[in-house]
Amino acid sequence: MAYIDLKNNLPGIVGLMKYRPETAKLLNELAEILLRGPSTLSSAEREMIASYVSHQNECHFCHSSHGAAAAHHLDGNLDLLDDIKKNFRKTEISPKLRKLLNIAKKVQILGNKVSEKDIEEAKAKGATDREIHDTVLIAAAFCMYNRYVDGLGTWAPEEKEAYNETGKMLAKEGYLDSI
C-alpha cells in the first residue's frame, strides 16, 4: 500500500496517475515522446534504456513495465527482464546501444559522471548527437519517474508475468491513453 491514500489500489505509477490525472497527462506525454516519438533509436532500444535505468534505481515496477514493453517491441519474451538485470548477456544489442547504456548508467548515478570520453566512445560506435541527447534525457526522466514511484511507496507485483499485458499495451498503444 502506498504511503499516502491514493483512493485506489493500483500498482506503481498507475495508481499515482489515477490519483493526479493532471500531472499524469504531462508525464505520459513526456514518456510518449521519449519512448515512441520519432527517433533513429527503435522504441525497443529506448524502452531498454528506461528499463535498465529503472533497474539501476531499484524501481521494480518501472524496470518490469518498460522491460516488458521492450520485449513486446521485439519477440514478446519476458526473459528480457532478467537479461536487463544481467547487463544484456544474452540479448543481442549493438555496440552503439551498449555505449548509450553506459552513458545512461552514468546519468543514473549523477549527470556529471558522463565524460567527454563516454560521448566520443558512443559516437565512435555510430551514435548521433540526437541519440546521445535522447539517451541522457530518457535516463534523467526515468530517475524522476522511479523516484516518484518508489518515493511514495507504491506496490508492484513481483513476478515478471504480471507485466505481460501492460508491456503489450504500452508497445502497441503507447502512453497517451494508459490511464
N, C-alpha and C. Protein backbone atom coordinates (compact mmCIF):
# COMPACT_ATOMS: atom_id res chain seq x y z
N MET A 1 0.84 -1.18 0.00
CA MET A 1 0.00 0.00 0.00
C MET A 1 0.89 1.25 0.00
N ALA A 2 0.50 2.25 -0.74
CA ALA A 2 1.29 3.48 -0.84
C ALA A 2 1.33 4.21 0.50
N TYR A 3 2.30 5.08 0.64
CA TYR A 3 2.47 5.86 1.86
C TYR A 3 1.34 6.88 2.07
N ILE A 4 0.70 7.28 0.98
CA ILE A 4 -0.42 8.22 1.07
C ILE A 4 -1.67 7.52 0.54
N ASP A 5 -2.83 8.04 0.87
CA ASP A 5 -4.09 7.45 0.40
C ASP A 5 -4.36 7.89 -1.03
N LEU A 6 -4.12 7.00 -1.96
CA LEU A 6 -4.31 7.30 -3.39
C LEU A 6 -5.76 7.13 -3.85
N LYS A 7 -6.60 6.65 -2.96
CA LYS A 7 -8.01 6.40 -3.29
C LYS A 7 -8.15 5.32 -4.37
N ASN A 8 -7.12 4.47 -4.50
CA ASN A 8 -7.16 3.33 -5.41
C ASN A 8 -6.10 2.34 -4.94
N ASN A 9 -6.14 1.14 -5.48
CA ASN A 9 -5.17 0.12 -5.13
C ASN A 9 -4.40 -0.34 -6.36
N LEU A 10 -4.13 0.58 -7.26
CA LEU A 10 -3.41 0.25 -8.49
C LEU A 10 -1.91 0.28 -8.23
N PRO A 11 -1.15 -0.55 -8.93
CA PRO A 11 0.29 -0.63 -8.68
C PRO A 11 1.08 0.52 -9.30
N GLY A 12 2.25 0.76 -8.72
CA GLY A 12 3.24 1.66 -9.30
C GLY A 12 2.70 3.01 -9.71
N ILE A 13 3.20 3.47 -10.84
CA ILE A 13 2.84 4.79 -11.33
C ILE A 13 1.38 4.85 -11.78
N VAL A 14 0.78 3.71 -12.06
CA VAL A 14 -0.62 3.68 -12.49
C VAL A 14 -1.51 4.27 -11.39
N GLY A 15 -1.29 3.86 -10.16
CA GLY A 15 -2.07 4.40 -9.04
C GLY A 15 -1.82 5.89 -8.84
N LEU A 16 -0.56 6.31 -9.01
CA LEU A 16 -0.23 7.73 -8.86
C LEU A 16 -0.88 8.56 -9.95
N MET A 17 -0.92 8.04 -11.15
CA MET A 17 -1.53 8.77 -12.26
C MET A 17 -3.04 8.86 -12.11
N LYS A 18 -3.63 7.83 -11.59
CA LYS A 18 -5.07 7.87 -11.33
C LYS A 18 -5.37 8.91 -10.25
N TYR A 19 -4.48 9.02 -9.28
CA TYR A 19 -4.63 9.97 -8.18
C TYR A 19 -4.51 11.42 -8.66
N ARG A 20 -3.57 11.69 -9.57
CA ARG A 20 -3.34 13.05 -10.06
C ARG A 20 -3.36 13.07 -11.59
N PRO A 21 -4.53 12.97 -12.21
CA PRO A 21 -4.60 12.91 -13.67
C PRO A 21 -4.02 14.13 -14.38
N GLU A 22 -4.03 15.29 -13.71
CA GLU A 22 -3.49 16.48 -14.36
C GLU A 22 -1.97 16.39 -14.51
N THR A 23 -1.28 15.76 -13.57
CA THR A 23 0.16 15.56 -13.74
C THR A 23 0.42 14.32 -14.60
N ALA A 24 -0.46 13.36 -14.53
CA ALA A 24 -0.33 12.15 -15.35
C ALA A 24 -0.28 12.49 -16.83
N LYS A 25 -1.12 13.43 -17.24
CA LYS A 25 -1.17 13.82 -18.65
C LYS A 25 0.21 14.26 -19.14
N LEU A 26 0.87 15.11 -18.37
CA LEU A 26 2.19 15.62 -18.76
C LEU A 26 3.25 14.53 -18.71
N LEU A 27 3.21 13.70 -17.68
CA LEU A 27 4.19 12.62 -17.57
C LEU A 27 4.03 11.61 -18.70
N ASN A 28 2.79 11.31 -19.05
CA ASN A 28 2.55 10.39 -20.16
C ASN A 28 2.96 10.99 -21.50
N GLU A 29 2.73 12.27 -21.68
CA GLU A 29 3.16 12.92 -22.93
C GLU A 29 4.68 12.86 -23.07
N LEU A 30 5.39 13.09 -21.96
CA LEU A 30 6.84 13.00 -21.99
C LEU A 30 7.29 11.58 -22.33
N ALA A 31 6.70 10.59 -21.69
CA ALA A 31 7.06 9.19 -21.97
C ALA A 31 6.77 8.84 -23.43
N GLU A 32 5.65 9.30 -23.95
CA GLU A 32 5.29 9.02 -25.36
C GLU A 32 6.34 9.60 -26.31
N ILE A 33 6.75 10.83 -26.08
CA ILE A 33 7.75 11.46 -26.94
C ILE A 33 9.09 10.73 -26.82
N LEU A 34 9.51 10.48 -25.59
CA LEU A 34 10.83 9.88 -25.39
C LEU A 34 10.91 8.44 -25.87
N LEU A 35 9.85 7.67 -25.67
CA LEU A 35 9.93 6.23 -25.92
C LEU A 35 9.30 5.78 -27.23
N ARG A 36 8.44 6.63 -27.80
CA ARG A 36 7.74 6.21 -29.03
C ARG A 36 7.78 7.24 -30.14
N GLY A 37 8.25 8.45 -29.83
CA GLY A 37 8.29 9.51 -30.83
C GLY A 37 9.33 9.23 -31.89
N PRO A 38 9.40 10.11 -32.90
CA PRO A 38 10.38 9.93 -33.98
C PRO A 38 11.81 9.86 -33.43
N SER A 39 12.54 8.87 -33.88
CA SER A 39 13.91 8.68 -33.41
C SER A 39 14.60 7.66 -34.30
N THR A 40 15.91 7.77 -34.39
CA THR A 40 16.68 6.72 -35.06
C THR A 40 16.94 5.54 -34.14
N LEU A 41 16.68 5.72 -32.84
CA LEU A 41 16.69 4.58 -31.92
C LEU A 41 15.30 3.95 -31.96
N SER A 42 15.24 2.65 -32.00
CA SER A 42 13.94 1.98 -32.01
C SER A 42 13.24 2.15 -30.67
N SER A 43 11.94 1.98 -30.68
CA SER A 43 11.20 2.02 -29.41
C SER A 43 11.70 0.93 -28.47
N ALA A 44 12.05 -0.23 -29.01
CA ALA A 44 12.60 -1.30 -28.16
C ALA A 44 13.88 -0.85 -27.48
N GLU A 45 14.77 -0.20 -28.21
CA GLU A 45 16.02 0.27 -27.62
C GLU A 45 15.76 1.32 -26.54
N ARG A 46 14.84 2.23 -26.80
CA ARG A 46 14.54 3.28 -25.82
C ARG A 46 13.87 2.71 -24.59
N GLU A 47 13.01 1.70 -24.77
CA GLU A 47 12.40 1.03 -23.61
C GLU A 47 13.47 0.27 -22.82
N MET A 48 14.45 -0.30 -23.51
CA MET A 48 15.54 -0.98 -22.81
C MET A 48 16.33 0.00 -21.96
N ILE A 49 16.57 1.19 -22.49
CA ILE A 49 17.27 2.21 -21.70
C ILE A 49 16.46 2.55 -20.46
N ALA A 50 15.16 2.77 -20.64
CA ALA A 50 14.28 3.10 -19.50
C ALA A 50 14.28 1.97 -18.47
N SER A 51 14.18 0.74 -18.93
CA SER A 51 14.15 -0.40 -18.03
C SER A 51 15.49 -0.57 -17.32
N TYR A 52 16.58 -0.39 -18.05
CA TYR A 52 17.92 -0.53 -17.48
C TYR A 52 18.15 0.51 -16.38
N VAL A 53 17.82 1.76 -16.65
CA VAL A 53 17.97 2.82 -15.65
C VAL A 53 17.08 2.52 -14.45
N SER A 54 15.87 2.07 -14.70
CA SER A 54 14.95 1.75 -13.60
C SER A 54 15.49 0.61 -12.75
N HIS A 55 16.09 -0.38 -13.38
CA HIS A 55 16.72 -1.46 -12.61
C HIS A 55 17.87 -0.90 -11.77
N GLN A 56 18.70 -0.05 -12.36
CA GLN A 56 19.81 0.56 -11.61
C GLN A 56 19.28 1.35 -10.41
N ASN A 57 18.11 1.95 -10.56
CA ASN A 57 17.49 2.71 -9.47
C ASN A 57 16.69 1.82 -8.51
N GLU A 58 16.69 0.52 -8.76
CA GLU A 58 15.96 -0.45 -7.93
C GLU A 58 14.46 -0.19 -7.92
N CYS A 59 13.94 0.31 -9.03
CA CYS A 59 12.50 0.54 -9.16
C CYS A 59 11.90 -0.64 -9.92
N HIS A 60 11.42 -1.60 -9.17
CA HIS A 60 10.93 -2.85 -9.75
C HIS A 60 9.76 -2.62 -10.72
N PHE A 61 8.82 -1.77 -10.34
CA PHE A 61 7.65 -1.55 -11.19
C PHE A 61 8.06 -0.99 -12.55
N CYS A 62 8.87 0.06 -12.57
CA CYS A 62 9.26 0.68 -13.85
C CYS A 62 10.19 -0.23 -14.65
N HIS A 63 11.12 -0.88 -13.98
CA HIS A 63 12.00 -1.83 -14.68
C HIS A 63 11.16 -2.90 -15.38
N SER A 64 10.19 -3.46 -14.66
CA SER A 64 9.40 -4.56 -15.21
C SER A 64 8.44 -4.08 -16.29
N SER A 65 7.80 -2.94 -16.09
CA SER A 65 6.85 -2.42 -17.08
C SER A 65 7.56 -2.09 -18.39
N HIS A 66 8.67 -1.38 -18.30
CA HIS A 66 9.36 -0.95 -19.52
C HIS A 66 10.17 -2.09 -20.14
N GLY A 67 10.64 -3.01 -19.32
CA GLY A 67 11.29 -4.20 -19.88
C GLY A 67 10.28 -5.04 -20.64
N ALA A 68 9.06 -5.16 -20.10
CA ALA A 68 8.01 -5.90 -20.80
C ALA A 68 7.62 -5.20 -22.09
N ALA A 69 7.58 -3.86 -22.07
CA ALA A 69 7.29 -3.12 -23.31
C ALA A 69 8.39 -3.37 -24.34
N ALA A 70 9.64 -3.33 -23.91
CA ALA A 70 10.75 -3.62 -24.83
C ALA A 70 10.60 -5.02 -25.41
N ALA A 71 10.28 -5.97 -24.55
CA ALA A 71 10.10 -7.36 -25.01
C ALA A 71 9.01 -7.44 -26.08
N HIS A 72 7.93 -6.70 -25.88
CA HIS A 72 6.83 -6.76 -26.85
C HIS A 72 7.12 -5.97 -28.12
N HIS A 73 8.09 -5.11 -28.09
CA HIS A 73 8.55 -4.48 -29.34
C HIS A 73 9.42 -5.47 -30.12
N LEU A 74 9.92 -6.48 -29.42
CA LEU A 74 10.78 -7.49 -30.04
C LEU A 74 9.96 -8.76 -30.26
N ASP A 75 10.26 -9.80 -29.50
CA ASP A 75 9.61 -11.10 -29.71
C ASP A 75 8.59 -11.46 -28.64
N GLY A 76 8.41 -10.61 -27.65
CA GLY A 76 7.44 -10.87 -26.58
C GLY A 76 7.96 -11.74 -25.45
N ASN A 77 9.23 -12.11 -25.49
CA ASN A 77 9.80 -12.98 -24.47
C ASN A 77 10.19 -12.15 -23.24
N LEU A 78 9.48 -12.38 -22.14
CA LEU A 78 9.72 -11.62 -20.92
C LEU A 78 11.03 -11.96 -20.22
N ASP A 79 11.75 -12.95 -20.72
CA ASP A 79 13.08 -13.24 -20.16
C ASP A 79 14.02 -12.05 -20.36
N LEU A 80 13.65 -11.13 -21.26
CA LEU A 80 14.44 -9.92 -21.45
C LEU A 80 14.59 -9.16 -20.12
N LEU A 81 13.57 -9.19 -19.27
CA LEU A 81 13.65 -8.50 -17.98
C LEU A 81 14.81 -9.03 -17.14
N ASP A 82 14.98 -10.34 -17.14
CA ASP A 82 16.09 -10.94 -16.39
C ASP A 82 17.42 -10.58 -17.03
N ASP A 83 17.46 -10.54 -18.37
CA ASP A 83 18.70 -10.24 -19.06
C ASP A 83 19.12 -8.79 -18.86
N ILE A 84 18.16 -7.88 -18.77
CA ILE A 84 18.50 -6.48 -18.49
C ILE A 84 19.23 -6.39 -17.15
N LYS A 85 18.75 -7.16 -16.17
CA LYS A 85 19.39 -7.17 -14.84
C LYS A 85 20.82 -7.71 -14.92
N LYS A 86 21.11 -8.51 -15.94
CA LYS A 86 22.43 -9.12 -16.10
C LYS A 86 23.27 -8.37 -17.13
N ASN A 87 22.89 -7.10 -17.41
CA ASN A 87 23.65 -6.26 -18.33
C ASN A 87 23.65 -6.80 -19.76
N PHE A 88 22.53 -7.36 -20.19
CA PHE A 88 22.33 -7.83 -21.57
C PHE A 88 23.37 -8.87 -21.99
N ARG A 89 23.49 -9.93 -21.18
CA ARG A 89 24.42 -11.00 -21.54
C ARG A 89 23.92 -11.84 -22.71
N LYS A 90 22.60 -12.05 -22.79
CA LYS A 90 22.04 -12.92 -23.84
C LYS A 90 21.45 -12.13 -25.01
N THR A 91 20.86 -11.01 -24.71
CA THR A 91 20.18 -10.23 -25.75
C THR A 91 21.21 -9.57 -26.65
N GLU A 92 21.03 -9.76 -27.94
CA GLU A 92 21.92 -9.14 -28.92
C GLU A 92 21.60 -7.66 -28.98
N ILE A 93 22.53 -6.84 -28.52
CA ILE A 93 22.38 -5.40 -28.68
C ILE A 93 23.61 -4.88 -29.40
N SER A 94 23.43 -3.78 -30.09
CA SER A 94 24.53 -3.22 -30.89
C SER A 94 25.59 -2.60 -29.98
N PRO A 95 26.81 -2.52 -30.49
CA PRO A 95 27.86 -1.82 -29.73
C PRO A 95 27.44 -0.37 -29.43
N LYS A 96 26.71 0.24 -30.35
CA LYS A 96 26.23 1.62 -30.12
C LYS A 96 25.30 1.65 -28.91
N LEU A 97 24.33 0.73 -28.84
CA LEU A 97 23.40 0.72 -27.72
C LEU A 97 24.15 0.44 -26.41
N ARG A 98 25.15 -0.42 -26.45
CA ARG A 98 25.92 -0.71 -25.25
C ARG A 98 26.61 0.56 -24.73
N LYS A 99 27.14 1.38 -25.64
CA LYS A 99 27.78 2.65 -25.23
C LYS A 99 26.73 3.64 -24.72
N LEU A 100 25.55 3.64 -25.34
CA LEU A 100 24.49 4.53 -24.86
C LEU A 100 24.01 4.10 -23.47
N LEU A 101 23.95 2.80 -23.22
CA LEU A 101 23.58 2.31 -21.89
C LEU A 101 24.63 2.71 -20.85
N ASN A 102 25.89 2.74 -21.25
CA ASN A 102 26.94 3.20 -20.35
C ASN A 102 26.70 4.66 -19.96
N ILE A 103 26.33 5.48 -20.94
CA ILE A 103 26.02 6.88 -20.66
C ILE A 103 24.80 6.96 -19.74
N ALA A 104 23.77 6.17 -20.03
CA ALA A 104 22.55 6.18 -19.21
C ALA A 104 22.86 5.81 -17.77
N LYS A 105 23.71 4.82 -17.59
CA LYS A 105 24.06 4.41 -16.23
C LYS A 105 24.78 5.53 -15.48
N LYS A 106 25.63 6.24 -16.17
CA LYS A 106 26.34 7.35 -15.52
C LYS A 106 25.37 8.48 -15.17
N VAL A 107 24.42 8.76 -16.05
CA VAL A 107 23.39 9.76 -15.75
C VAL A 107 22.62 9.32 -14.51
N GLN A 108 22.31 8.03 -14.43
CA GLN A 108 21.56 7.50 -13.29
C GLN A 108 22.31 7.73 -11.98
N ILE A 109 23.62 7.62 -12.02
CA ILE A 109 24.43 7.83 -10.82
C ILE A 109 24.46 9.32 -10.48
N LEU A 110 24.88 10.13 -11.45
CA LEU A 110 24.96 11.58 -11.30
C LEU A 110 25.34 12.12 -12.68
N GLY A 111 24.59 13.07 -13.15
CA GLY A 111 24.78 13.57 -14.51
C GLY A 111 26.21 13.96 -14.84
N ASN A 112 26.91 14.54 -13.88
CA ASN A 112 28.27 14.98 -14.20
C ASN A 112 29.28 13.83 -14.23
N LYS A 113 28.82 12.60 -14.07
CA LYS A 113 29.70 11.43 -14.23
C LYS A 113 29.91 11.10 -15.71
N VAL A 114 29.03 11.62 -16.58
CA VAL A 114 29.21 11.43 -18.02
C VAL A 114 30.40 12.29 -18.45
N SER A 115 31.32 11.66 -19.18
CA SER A 115 32.52 12.38 -19.60
C SER A 115 32.53 12.57 -21.12
N GLU A 116 33.37 13.45 -21.54
CA GLU A 116 33.56 13.66 -22.98
C GLU A 116 34.01 12.35 -23.63
N LYS A 117 34.80 11.58 -22.92
CA LYS A 117 35.27 10.29 -23.44
C LYS A 117 34.08 9.34 -23.68
N ASP A 118 33.12 9.34 -22.76
CA ASP A 118 31.92 8.50 -22.93
C ASP A 118 31.18 8.88 -24.21
N ILE A 119 31.06 10.18 -24.44
CA ILE A 119 30.36 10.68 -25.63
C ILE A 119 31.14 10.29 -26.89
N GLU A 120 32.44 10.49 -26.86
CA GLU A 120 33.26 10.15 -28.02
C GLU A 120 33.21 8.65 -28.32
N GLU A 121 33.20 7.82 -27.28
CA GLU A 121 33.10 6.37 -27.49
C GLU A 121 31.76 5.99 -28.11
N ALA A 122 30.69 6.64 -27.69
CA ALA A 122 29.38 6.36 -28.27
C ALA A 122 29.35 6.81 -29.74
N LYS A 123 29.92 7.97 -30.02
CA LYS A 123 29.97 8.46 -31.41
C LYS A 123 30.81 7.52 -32.28
N ALA A 124 31.89 6.99 -31.71
CA ALA A 124 32.75 6.06 -32.47
C ALA A 124 32.00 4.79 -32.84
N LYS A 125 30.96 4.46 -32.09
CA LYS A 125 30.14 3.28 -32.39
C LYS A 125 28.91 3.65 -33.21
N GLY A 126 28.84 4.92 -33.66
CA GLY A 126 27.77 5.33 -34.57
C GLY A 126 26.65 6.14 -33.95
N ALA A 127 26.73 6.47 -32.66
CA ALA A 127 25.67 7.25 -32.03
C ALA A 127 25.71 8.69 -32.54
N THR A 128 24.54 9.22 -32.82
CA THR A 128 24.42 10.61 -33.25
C THR A 128 24.24 11.52 -32.04
N ASP A 129 24.41 12.81 -32.26
CA ASP A 129 24.17 13.77 -31.18
C ASP A 129 22.74 13.63 -30.65
N ARG A 130 21.79 13.45 -31.54
CA ARG A 130 20.38 13.32 -31.12
C ARG A 130 20.18 12.06 -30.27
N GLU A 131 20.79 10.95 -30.67
CA GLU A 131 20.67 9.72 -29.89
C GLU A 131 21.29 9.86 -28.50
N ILE A 132 22.41 10.56 -28.43
CA ILE A 132 23.06 10.80 -27.14
C ILE A 132 22.17 11.71 -26.29
N HIS A 133 21.67 12.76 -26.89
CA HIS A 133 20.75 13.67 -26.19
C HIS A 133 19.57 12.90 -25.63
N ASP A 134 18.93 12.10 -26.48
CA ASP A 134 17.73 11.39 -26.07
C ASP A 134 18.03 10.35 -24.99
N THR A 135 19.18 9.71 -25.07
CA THR A 135 19.58 8.74 -24.05
C THR A 135 19.72 9.43 -22.69
N VAL A 136 20.38 10.57 -22.68
CA VAL A 136 20.56 11.31 -21.42
C VAL A 136 19.20 11.75 -20.88
N LEU A 137 18.32 12.22 -21.76
CA LEU A 137 17.00 12.67 -21.31
C LEU A 137 16.14 11.51 -20.82
N ILE A 138 16.19 10.37 -21.51
CA ILE A 138 15.45 9.19 -21.04
C ILE A 138 15.96 8.79 -19.65
N ALA A 139 17.28 8.72 -19.51
CA ALA A 139 17.85 8.33 -18.21
C ALA A 139 17.45 9.31 -17.11
N ALA A 140 17.53 10.59 -17.39
CA ALA A 140 17.17 11.60 -16.39
C ALA A 140 15.68 11.53 -16.06
N ALA A 141 14.86 11.39 -17.08
CA ALA A 141 13.41 11.32 -16.85
C ALA A 141 13.06 10.08 -16.04
N PHE A 142 13.70 8.96 -16.33
CA PHE A 142 13.37 7.75 -15.58
C PHE A 142 13.90 7.79 -14.15
N CYS A 143 14.93 8.54 -13.90
CA CYS A 143 15.30 8.77 -12.50
C CYS A 143 14.16 9.48 -11.78
N MET A 144 13.54 10.46 -12.45
CA MET A 144 12.40 11.15 -11.86
C MET A 144 11.22 10.20 -11.68
N TYR A 145 10.84 9.47 -12.74
CA TYR A 145 9.71 8.55 -12.63
C TYR A 145 9.95 7.53 -11.52
N ASN A 146 11.15 6.97 -11.46
CA ASN A 146 11.48 5.96 -10.45
C ASN A 146 11.36 6.52 -9.04
N ARG A 147 11.84 7.71 -8.84
CA ARG A 147 11.78 8.31 -7.52
C ARG A 147 10.35 8.67 -7.13
N TYR A 148 9.55 9.02 -8.12
CA TYR A 148 8.13 9.29 -7.90
C TYR A 148 7.42 8.02 -7.43
N VAL A 149 7.64 6.93 -8.15
CA VAL A 149 7.00 5.65 -7.84
C VAL A 149 7.45 5.12 -6.48
N ASP A 150 8.73 5.08 -6.25
CA ASP A 150 9.25 4.49 -5.01
C ASP A 150 9.20 5.45 -3.83
N GLY A 151 9.29 6.75 -4.10
CA GLY A 151 9.25 7.73 -3.03
C GLY A 151 7.90 7.80 -2.33
N LEU A 152 6.85 7.35 -3.01
CA LEU A 152 5.53 7.31 -2.39
C LEU A 152 5.13 5.89 -1.99
N GLY A 153 6.09 4.97 -2.06
CA GLY A 153 5.88 3.63 -1.54
C GLY A 153 4.79 2.83 -2.25
N THR A 154 4.67 2.99 -3.56
CA THR A 154 3.65 2.22 -4.27
C THR A 154 4.04 0.75 -4.29
N TRP A 155 3.07 -0.11 -4.54
CA TRP A 155 3.34 -1.54 -4.58
C TRP A 155 3.52 -1.99 -6.02
N ALA A 156 4.16 -3.12 -6.18
CA ALA A 156 4.41 -3.67 -7.51
C ALA A 156 4.39 -5.19 -7.44
N PRO A 157 3.72 -5.84 -8.40
CA PRO A 157 3.78 -7.30 -8.44
C PRO A 157 5.23 -7.76 -8.63
N GLU A 158 5.59 -8.85 -8.00
CA GLU A 158 6.96 -9.35 -8.09
C GLU A 158 7.24 -10.10 -9.40
N GLU A 159 6.34 -10.97 -9.80
CA GLU A 159 6.61 -11.85 -10.93
C GLU A 159 6.51 -11.11 -12.27
N LYS A 160 7.46 -11.39 -13.15
CA LYS A 160 7.53 -10.68 -14.43
C LYS A 160 6.29 -10.94 -15.29
N GLU A 161 5.67 -12.08 -15.14
CA GLU A 161 4.49 -12.40 -15.95
C GLU A 161 3.34 -11.41 -15.69
N ALA A 162 3.33 -10.81 -14.51
CA ALA A 162 2.29 -9.83 -14.17
C ALA A 162 2.37 -8.58 -15.05
N TYR A 163 3.50 -8.38 -15.72
CA TYR A 163 3.71 -7.19 -16.55
C TYR A 163 3.48 -7.45 -18.04
N ASN A 164 3.10 -8.65 -18.37
CA ASN A 164 2.95 -9.02 -19.77
C ASN A 164 1.91 -8.15 -20.49
N GLU A 165 0.72 -8.04 -19.93
CA GLU A 165 -0.34 -7.27 -20.59
C GLU A 165 0.00 -5.79 -20.65
N THR A 166 0.58 -5.27 -19.58
CA THR A 166 1.00 -3.86 -19.57
C THR A 166 2.04 -3.61 -20.65
N GLY A 167 3.03 -4.49 -20.73
CA GLY A 167 4.07 -4.35 -21.75
C GLY A 167 3.50 -4.40 -23.15
N LYS A 168 2.58 -5.31 -23.36
CA LYS A 168 1.94 -5.45 -24.67
C LYS A 168 1.17 -4.17 -25.02
N MET A 169 0.42 -3.66 -24.04
CA MET A 169 -0.38 -2.45 -24.26
C MET A 169 0.53 -1.24 -24.54
N LEU A 170 1.60 -1.08 -23.76
CA LEU A 170 2.49 0.05 -23.96
C LEU A 170 3.17 -0.03 -25.32
N ALA A 171 3.59 -1.21 -25.73
CA ALA A 171 4.25 -1.37 -27.03
C ALA A 171 3.29 -1.11 -28.18
N LYS A 172 2.05 -1.51 -28.03
CA LYS A 172 1.09 -1.39 -29.12
C LYS A 172 0.39 -0.04 -29.13
N GLU A 173 -0.06 0.43 -27.96
CA GLU A 173 -0.91 1.62 -27.89
C GLU A 173 -0.18 2.86 -27.37
N GLY A 174 0.89 2.69 -26.63
CA GLY A 174 1.64 3.83 -26.13
C GLY A 174 1.18 4.32 -24.78
N TYR A 175 1.54 5.55 -24.49
CA TYR A 175 1.39 6.13 -23.16
C TYR A 175 0.25 7.12 -23.04
N LEU A 176 -0.24 7.63 -24.12
CA LEU A 176 -1.22 8.71 -24.04
C LEU A 176 -2.56 8.27 -23.47
N ASP A 177 -2.95 7.02 -23.69
CA ASP A 177 -4.22 6.54 -23.18
C ASP A 177 -4.02 5.49 -22.11
N SER A 178 -2.88 5.54 -21.40
CA SER A 178 -2.57 4.46 -20.46
C SER A 178 -3.18 4.63 -19.07
N ILE A 179 -3.91 5.73 -18.85
CA ILE A 179 -4.58 5.85 -17.54
C ILE A 179 -6.08 5.90 -17.73
